[in-house]
Amino acid sequence: MRHSKAMHLLQAGVNLIYIRDFLGHASVITTERYAKADSEIKRKAIEKASHNFLPDKKYSKKEKSEMLTWLKTII
């Protein structure tokens, strides 16, 4: 029951600190186990972060070729 409640709170967007207090954990590290177990939360975090790393523009064939050539040189 505790695990299910913690997972539902996480999925609802409740801050991990509040969940820690609700569950009575001494450390938020213990509570983080619930966040690590939820693949949906991981997917959303990756999608949110990807906007900061993935370029908006498309690369030309020449640029792609140059990038692949460069990557092969560093392997």
PDB file of N, CA and C in Angstrom:
ATOM      1  N   MET A   1       0.824  -1.194   0.000  1.00  0.00           N
ATOM      2  CA  MET A   1       0.000   0.000   0.000  1.00  0.00           C
ATOM      3  C   MET A   1       0.869   1.260   0.000  1.00  0.00           C
ATOM      4  N   ARG A   2       1.930   1.231   0.797  1.00  0.00           N
ATOM      5  CA  ARG A   2       2.799   2.407   0.855  1.00  0.00           C
ATOM      6  C   ARG A   2       3.443   2.674  -0.503  1.00  0.00           C
ATOM      7  N   HIS A   3       3.911   1.596  -1.136  1.00  0.00           N
ATOM      8  CA  HIS A   3       4.560   1.735  -2.434  1.00  0.00           C
ATOM      9  C   HIS A   3       3.578   2.289  -3.461  1.00  0.00           C
ATOM     10  N   SER A   4       2.377   1.752  -3.505  1.00  0.00           N
ATOM     11  CA  SER A   4       1.366   2.219  -4.459  1.00  0.00           C
ATOM     12  C   SER A   4       1.025   3.677  -4.222  1.00  0.00           C
ATOM     13  N   LYS A   5       0.858   4.065  -2.967  1.00  0.00           N
ATOM     14  CA  LYS A   5       0.536   5.458  -2.638  1.00  0.00           C
ATOM     15  C   LYS A   5       1.674   6.377  -3.074  1.00  0.00           C
ATOM     16  N   ALA A   6       2.907   5.969  -2.800  1.00  0.00           N
ATOM     17  CA  ALA A   6       4.055   6.785  -3.197  1.00  0.00           C
ATOM     18  C   ALA A   6       4.120   6.935  -4.707  1.00  0.00           C
ATOM     19  N   MET A   7       3.878   5.855  -5.432  1.00  0.00           N
ATOM     20  CA  MET A   7       3.911   5.909  -6.900  1.00  0.00           C
ATOM     21  C   MET A   7       2.814   6.822  -7.438  1.00  0.00           C
ATOM     22  N   HIS A   8       1.616   6.744  -6.864  1.00  0.00           N
ATOM     23  CA  HIS A   8       0.514   7.604  -7.311  1.00  0.00           C
ATOM     24  C   HIS A   8       0.814   9.070  -7.028  1.00  0.00           C
ATOM     25  N   LEU A   9       1.392   9.356  -5.880  1.00  0.00           N
ATOM     26  CA  LEU A   9       1.757  10.739  -5.558  1.00  0.00           C
ATOM     27  C   LEU A   9       2.808  11.260  -6.535  1.00  0.00           C
ATOM     28  N   LEU A  10       3.804  10.429  -6.846  1.00  0.00           N
ATOM     29  CA  LEU A  10       4.832  10.827  -7.813  1.00  0.00           C
ATOM     30  C   LEU A  10       4.228  11.112  -9.180  1.00  0.00           C
ATOM     31  N   GLN A  11       3.351  10.228  -9.622  1.00  0.00           N
ATOM     32  CA  GLN A  11       2.717  10.390 -10.931  1.00  0.00           C
ATOM     33  C   GLN A  11       1.821  11.620 -10.977  1.00  0.00           C
ATOM     34  N   ALA A  12       1.318  12.033  -9.816  1.00  0.00           N
ATOM     35  CA  ALA A  12       0.484  13.233  -9.747  1.00  0.00           C
ATOM     36  C   ALA A  12       1.321  14.503  -9.684  1.00  0.00           C
ATOM     37  N   GLY A  13       2.651  14.338  -9.614  1.00  0.00           N
ATOM     38  CA  GLY A  13       3.537  15.498  -9.624  1.00  0.00           C
ATOM     39  C   GLY A  13       3.859  16.052  -8.251  1.00  0.00           C
ATOM     40  N   VAL A  14       3.568  15.298  -7.187  1.00  0.00           N
ATOM     41  CA  VAL A  14       3.865  15.758  -5.834  1.00  0.00           C
ATOM     42  C   VAL A  14       5.379  15.727  -5.623  1.00  0.00           C
ATOM     43  N   ASN A  15       5.882  16.763  -4.997  1.00  0.00           N
ATOM     44  CA  ASN A  15       7.319  16.902  -4.733  1.00  0.00           C
ATOM     45  C   ASN A  15       7.813  15.743  -3.885  1.00  0.00           C
ATOM     46  N   LEU A  16       9.002  15.256  -4.194  1.00  0.00           N
ATOM     47  CA  LEU A  16       9.588  14.110  -3.499  1.00  0.00           C
ATOM     48  C   LEU A  16       9.760  14.373  -1.995  1.00  0.00           C
ATOM     49  N   ILE A  17      10.027  15.614  -1.630  1.00  0.00           N
ATOM     50  CA  ILE A  17      10.201  15.970  -0.217  1.00  0.00           C
ATOM     51  C   ILE A  17       8.908  15.738   0.550  1.00  0.00           C
ATOM     52  N   TYR A  18       7.762  16.107  -0.047  1.00  0.00           N
ATOM     53  CA  TYR A  18       6.474  15.898   0.618  1.00  0.00           C
ATOM     54  C   TYR A  18       6.165  14.413   0.755  1.00  0.00           C
ATOM     55  N   ILE A  19       6.538  13.650  -0.272  1.00  0.00           N
ATOM     56  CA  ILE A  19       6.309  12.196  -0.216  1.00  0.00           C
ATOM     57  C   ILE A  19       7.189  11.591   0.876  1.00  0.00           C
ATOM     58  N   ARG A  20       8.420  12.071   0.981  1.00  0.00           N
ATOM     59  CA  ARG A  20       9.312  11.590   2.047  1.00  0.00           C
ATOM     60  C   ARG A  20       8.683  11.816   3.419  1.00  0.00           C
ATOM     61  N   ASP A  21       8.170  13.017   3.623  1.00  0.00           N
ATOM     62  CA  ASP A  21       7.546  13.332   4.904  1.00  0.00           C
ATOM     63  C   ASP A  21       6.298  12.481   5.138  1.00  0.00           C
ATOM     64  N   PHE A  22       5.506  12.292   4.102  1.00  0.00           N
ATOM     65  CA  PHE A  22       4.283  11.497   4.212  1.00  0.00           C
ATOM     66  C   PHE A  22       4.591  10.050   4.604  1.00  0.00           C
ATOM     67  N   LEU A  23       5.652   9.490   3.998  1.00  0.00           N
ATOM     68  CA  LEU A  23       6.021   8.107   4.268  1.00  0.00           C
ATOM     69  C   LEU A  23       6.842   7.950   5.545  1.00  0.00           C
ATOM     70  N   GLY A  24       7.365   9.068   6.055  1.00  0.00           N
ATOM     71  CA  GLY A  24       8.146   9.015   7.284  1.00  0.00           C
ATOM     72  C   GLY A  24       9.586   8.579   7.088  1.00  0.00           C
ATOM     73  N   HIS A  25      10.101   8.741   5.882  1.00  0.00           N
ATOM     74  CA  HIS A  25      11.498   8.390   5.628  1.00  0.00           C
ATOM     75  C   HIS A  25      12.417   9.433   6.262  1.00  0.00           C
ATOM     76  N   ALA A  26      13.530   8.973   6.782  1.00  0.00           N
ATOM     77  CA  ALA A  26      14.506   9.886   7.377  1.00  0.00           C
ATOM     78  C   ALA A  26      15.276  10.632   6.296  1.00  0.00           C
ATOM     79  N   SER A  27      15.458   9.995   5.151  1.00  0.00           N
ATOM     80  CA  SER A  27      16.244  10.581   4.071  1.00  0.00           C
ATOM     81  C   SER A  27      15.455  10.538   2.762  1.00  0.00           C
ATOM     82  N   VAL A  28      15.618  11.573   1.958  1.00  0.00           N
ATOM     83  CA  VAL A  28      14.953  11.609   0.654  1.00  0.00           C
ATOM     84  C   VAL A  28      15.556  10.566  -0.287  1.00  0.00           C
ATOM     85  N   ILE A  29      16.757  10.107   0.028  1.00  0.00           N
ATOM     86  CA  ILE A  29      17.401   9.072  -0.789  1.00  0.00           C
ATOM     87  C   ILE A  29      16.566   7.788  -0.773  1.00  0.00           C
ATOM     88  N   THR A  30      15.997   7.480   0.373  1.00  0.00           N
ATOM     89  CA  THR A  30      15.129   6.314   0.475  1.00  0.00           C
ATOM     90  C   THR A  30      13.902   6.496  -0.411  1.00  0.00           C
ATOM     91  N   THR A  31      13.355   7.684  -0.413  1.00  0.00           N
ATOM     92  CA  THR A  31      12.147   7.977  -1.190  1.00  0.00           C
ATOM     93  C   THR A  31      12.441   7.982  -2.686  1.00  0.00           C
ATOM     94  N   GLU A  32      13.661   8.326  -3.069  1.00  0.00           N
ATOM     95  CA  GLU A  32      14.023   8.376  -4.486  1.00  0.00           C
ATOM     96  C   GLU A  32      13.898   7.027  -5.167  1.00  0.00           C
ATOM     97  N   ARG A  33      13.920   5.960  -4.403  1.00  0.00           N
ATOM     98  CA  ARG A  33      13.750   4.626  -4.990  1.00  0.00           C
ATOM     99  C   ARG A  33      12.449   4.517  -5.759  1.00  0.00           C
ATOM    100  N   TYR A  34      11.423   5.178  -5.261  1.00  0.00           N
ATOM    101  CA  TYR A  34      10.131   5.141  -5.944  1.00  0.00           C
ATOM    102  C   TYR A  34      10.216   5.854  -7.287  1.00  0.00           C
ATOM    103  N   ALA A  35      10.921   6.977  -7.323  1.00  0.00           N
ATOM    104  CA  ALA A  35      11.062   7.732  -8.573  1.00  0.00           C
ATOM    105  C   ALA A  35      11.869   6.945  -9.593  1.00  0.00           C
ATOM    106  N   LYS A  36      12.875   6.225  -9.125  1.00  0.00           N
ATOM    107  CA  LYS A  36      13.708   5.436 -10.029  1.00  0.00           C
ATOM    108  C   LYS A  36      12.952   4.247 -10.601  1.00  0.00           C
ATOM    109  N   ALA A  37      11.952   3.779  -9.887  1.00  0.00           N
ATOM    110  CA  ALA A  37      11.208   2.594 -10.317  1.00  0.00           C
ATOM    111  C   ALA A  37      10.144   2.912 -11.359  1.00  0.00           C
ATOM    112  N   ASP A  38       9.783   4.176 -11.510  1.00  0.00           N
ATOM    113  CA  ASP A  38       8.685   4.532 -12.398  1.00  0.00           C
ATOM    114  C   ASP A  38       9.200   4.907 -13.782  1.00  0.00           C
ATOM    115  N   SER A  39       8.972   4.037 -14.759  1.00  0.00           N
ATOM    116  CA  SER A  39       9.466   4.279 -16.112  1.00  0.00           C
ATOM    117  C   SER A  39       8.754   5.455 -16.783  1.00  0.00           C
ATOM    118  N   GLU A  40       7.522   5.722 -16.417  1.00  0.00           N
ATOM    119  CA  GLU A  40       6.782   6.857 -16.992  1.00  0.00           C
ATOM    120  C   GLU A  40       7.429   8.175 -16.576  1.00  0.00           C
ATOM    121  N   ILE A  41       7.833   8.274 -15.331  1.00  0.00           N
ATOM    122  CA  ILE A  41       8.509   9.483 -14.853  1.00  0.00           C
ATOM    123  C   ILE A  41       9.839   9.647 -15.573  1.00  0.00           C
ATOM    124  N   LYS A  42      10.552   8.542 -15.779  1.00  0.00           N
ATOM    125  CA  LYS A  42      11.825   8.607 -16.510  1.00  0.00           C
ATOM    126  C   LYS A  42      11.603   9.106 -17.934  1.00  0.00           C
ATOM    127  N   ARG A  43      10.576   8.565 -18.601  1.00  0.00           N
ATOM    128  CA  ARG A  43      10.292   8.954 -19.983  1.00  0.00           C
ATOM    129  C   ARG A  43       9.983  10.442 -20.066  1.00  0.00           C
ATOM    130  N   LYS A  44       9.156  10.934 -19.158  1.00  0.00           N
ATOM    131  CA  LYS A  44       8.788  12.355 -19.167  1.00  0.00           C
ATOM    132  C   LYS A  44      10.001  13.245 -18.910  1.00  0.00           C
ATOM    133  N   ALA A  45      10.874  12.822 -17.994  1.00  0.00           N
ATOM    134  CA  ALA A  45      12.070  13.607 -17.693  1.00  0.00           C
ATOM    135  C   ALA A  45      13.007  13.663 -18.898  1.00  0.00           C
ATOM    136  N   ILE A  46      13.151  12.535 -19.597  1.00  0.00           N
ATOM    137  CA  ILE A  46      14.002  12.502 -20.782  1.00  0.00           C
ATOM    138  C   ILE A  46      13.420  13.376 -21.887  1.00  0.00           C
ATOM    139  N   GLU A  47      12.111  13.303 -22.086  1.00  0.00           N
ATOM    140  CA  GLU A  47      11.480  14.144 -23.108  1.00  0.00           C
ATOM    141  C   GLU A  47      11.649  15.620 -22.781  1.00  0.00           C
ATOM    142  N   LYS A  48      11.491  15.973 -21.518  1.00  0.00           N
ATOM    143  CA  LYS A  48      11.629  17.373 -21.107  1.00  0.00           C
ATOM    144  C   LYS A  48      13.058  17.861 -21.307  1.00  0.00           C
ATOM    145  N   ALA A  49      14.032  17.020 -20.943  1.00  0.00           N
ATOM    146  CA  ALA A  49      15.444  17.404 -21.058  1.00  0.00           C
ATOM    147  C   ALA A  49      15.927  17.398 -22.498  1.00  0.00           C
ATOM    148  N   SER A  50      15.328  16.585 -23.351  1.00  0.00           N
ATOM    149  CA  SER A  50      15.819  16.455 -24.722  1.00  0.00           C
ATOM    150  C   SER A  50      15.680  17.753 -25.509  1.00  0.00           C
ATOM    151  N   HIS A  51      14.747  18.597 -25.130  1.00  0.00           N
ATOM    152  CA  HIS A  51      14.573  19.870 -25.832  1.00  0.00           C
ATOM    153  C   HIS A  51      15.796  20.769 -25.651  1.00  0.00           C
ATOM    154  N   ASN A  52      16.535  20.551 -24.571  1.00  0.00           N
ATOM    155  CA  ASN A  52      17.734  21.350 -24.314  1.00  0.00           C
ATOM    156  C   ASN A  52      18.946  20.850 -25.092  1.00  0.00           C
ATOM    157  N   PHE A  53      18.903  19.619 -25.588  1.00  0.00           N
ATOM    158  CA  PHE A  53      20.074  19.018 -26.209  1.00  0.00           C
ATOM    159  C   PHE A  53      19.930  18.747 -27.700  1.00  0.00           C
ATOM    160  N   LEU A  54      18.727  18.500 -28.137  1.00  0.00           N
ATOM    161  CA  LEU A  54      18.535  18.160 -29.541  1.00  0.00           C
ATOM    162  C   LEU A  54      18.369  19.434 -30.368  1.00  0.00           C
ATOM    163  N   PRO A  55      19.066  19.525 -31.469  1.00  0.00           N
ATOM    164  CA  PRO A  55      18.969  20.734 -32.300  1.00  0.00           C
ATOM    165  C   PRO A  55      17.610  20.816 -32.988  1.00  0.00           C
ATOM    166  N   ASP A  56      17.162  22.037 -33.212  1.00  0.00           N
ATOM    167  CA  ASP A  56      15.891  22.263 -33.902  1.00  0.00           C
ATOM    168  C   ASP A  56      16.040  22.130 -35.413  1.00  0.00           C
ATOM    169  N   LYS A  57      17.239  22.426 -35.922  1.00  0.00           N
ATOM    170  CA  LYS A  57      17.426  22.410 -37.372  1.00  0.00           C
ATOM    171  C   LYS A  57      17.803  21.012 -37.862  1.00  0.00           C
ATOM    172  N   LYS A  58      17.547  20.759 -39.108  1.00  0.00           N
ATOM    173  CA  LYS A  58      17.938  19.500 -39.750  1.00  0.00           C
ATOM    174  C   LYS A  58      19.289  19.697 -40.404  1.00  0.00           C
ATOM    175  N   TYR A  59      20.088  18.643 -40.382  1.00  0.00           N
ATOM    176  CA  TYR A  59      21.402  18.720 -40.985  1.00  0.00           C
ATOM    177  C   TYR A  59      21.342  18.294 -42.451  1.00  0.00           C
ATOM    178  N   SER A  60      22.177  18.931 -43.261  1.00  0.00           N
ATOM    179  CA  SER A  60      22.271  18.557 -44.669  1.00  0.00           C
ATOM    180  C   SER A  60      23.018  17.235 -44.781  1.00  0.00           C
ATOM    181  N   LYS A  61      22.952  16.622 -45.972  1.00  0.00           N
ATOM    182  CA  LYS A  61      23.665  15.365 -46.189  1.00  0.00           C
ATOM    183  C   LYS A  61      25.161  15.550 -45.993  1.00  0.00           C
ATOM    184  N   LYS A  62      25.671  16.685 -46.426  1.00  0.00           N
ATOM    185  CA  LYS A  62      27.093  16.970 -46.287  1.00  0.00           C
ATOM    186  C   LYS A  62      27.472  17.073 -44.804  1.00  0.00           C
ATOM    187  N   GLU A  63      26.654  17.788 -44.038  1.00  0.00           N
ATOM    188  CA  GLU A  63      26.943  17.933 -42.615  1.00  0.00           C
ATOM    189  C   GLU A  63      26.876  16.580 -41.898  1.00  0.00           C
ATOM    190  N   LYS A  64      25.909  15.744 -42.264  1.00  0.00           N
ATOM    191  CA  LYS A  64      25.804  14.409 -41.675  1.00  0.00           C
ATOM    192  C   LYS A  64      27.038  13.570 -42.004  1.00  0.00           C
ATOM    193  N   SER A  65      27.467  13.638 -43.244  1.00  0.00           N
ATOM    194  CA  SER A  65      28.642  12.890 -43.674  1.00  0.00           C
ATOM    195  C   SER A  65      29.880  13.345 -42.916  1.00  0.00           C
ATOM    196  N   GLU A  66      30.048  14.649 -42.785  1.00  0.00           N
ATOM    197  CA  GLU A  66      31.198  15.187 -42.059  1.00  0.00           C
ATOM    198  C   GLU A  66      31.174  14.760 -40.595  1.00  0.00           C
ATOM    199  N   MET A  67      29.985  14.758 -39.994  1.00  0.00           N
ATOM    200  CA  MET A  67      29.849  14.361 -38.601  1.00  0.00           C
ATOM    201  C   MET A  67      30.208  12.886 -38.427  1.00  0.00           C
ATOM    202  N   LEU A  68      29.721  12.035 -39.314  1.00  0.00           N
ATOM    203  CA  LEU A  68      30.037  10.602 -39.241  1.00  0.00           C
ATOM    204  C   LEU A  68      31.535  10.362 -39.425  1.00  0.00           C
ATOM    205  N   THR A  69      32.141  11.091 -40.339  1.00  0.00           N
ATOM    206  CA  THR A  69      33.581  10.956 -40.565  1.00  0.00           C
ATOM    207  C   THR A  69      34.333  11.356 -39.306  1.00  0.00           C
ATOM    208  N   TRP A  70      33.945  12.457 -38.710  1.00  0.00           N
ATOM    209  CA  TRP A  70      34.587  12.929 -37.484  1.00  0.00           C
ATOM    210  C   TRP A  70      34.402  11.919 -36.353  1.00  0.00           C
ATOM    211  N   LEU A  71      33.198  11.401 -36.193  1.00  0.00           N
ATOM    212  CA  LEU A  71      32.940  10.413 -35.129  1.00  0.00           C
ATOM    213  C   LEU A  71      33.791   9.160 -35.308  1.00  0.00           C
ATOM    214  N   LYS A  72      33.981   8.733 -36.558  1.00  0.00           N
ATOM    215  CA  LYS A  72      34.804   7.547 -36.812  1.00  0.00           C
ATOM    216  C   LYS A  72      36.255   7.787 -36.430  1.00  0.00           C
ATOM    217  N   THR A  73      36.720   9.027 -36.530  1.00  0.00           N
ATOM    218  CA  THR A  73      38.115   9.322 -36.187  1.00  0.00           C
ATOM    219  C   THR A  73      38.369   9.290 -34.684  1.00  0.00           C
ATOM    220  N   ILE A  74      37.322   9.477 -33.871  1.00  0.00           N
ATOM    221  CA  ILE A  74      37.548   9.514 -32.429  1.00  0.00           C
ATOM    222  C   ILE A  74      37.270   8.169 -31.757  1.00  0.00           C
ATOM    223  N   ILE A  75      36.871   7.175 -32.522  1.00  0.00           N
ATOM    224  CA  ILE A  75      36.599   5.852 -31.934  1.00  0.00           C
ATOM    225  C   ILE A  75      37.887   5.077 -31.826  1.00  0.00           C
TER     226      ILE A  75
END
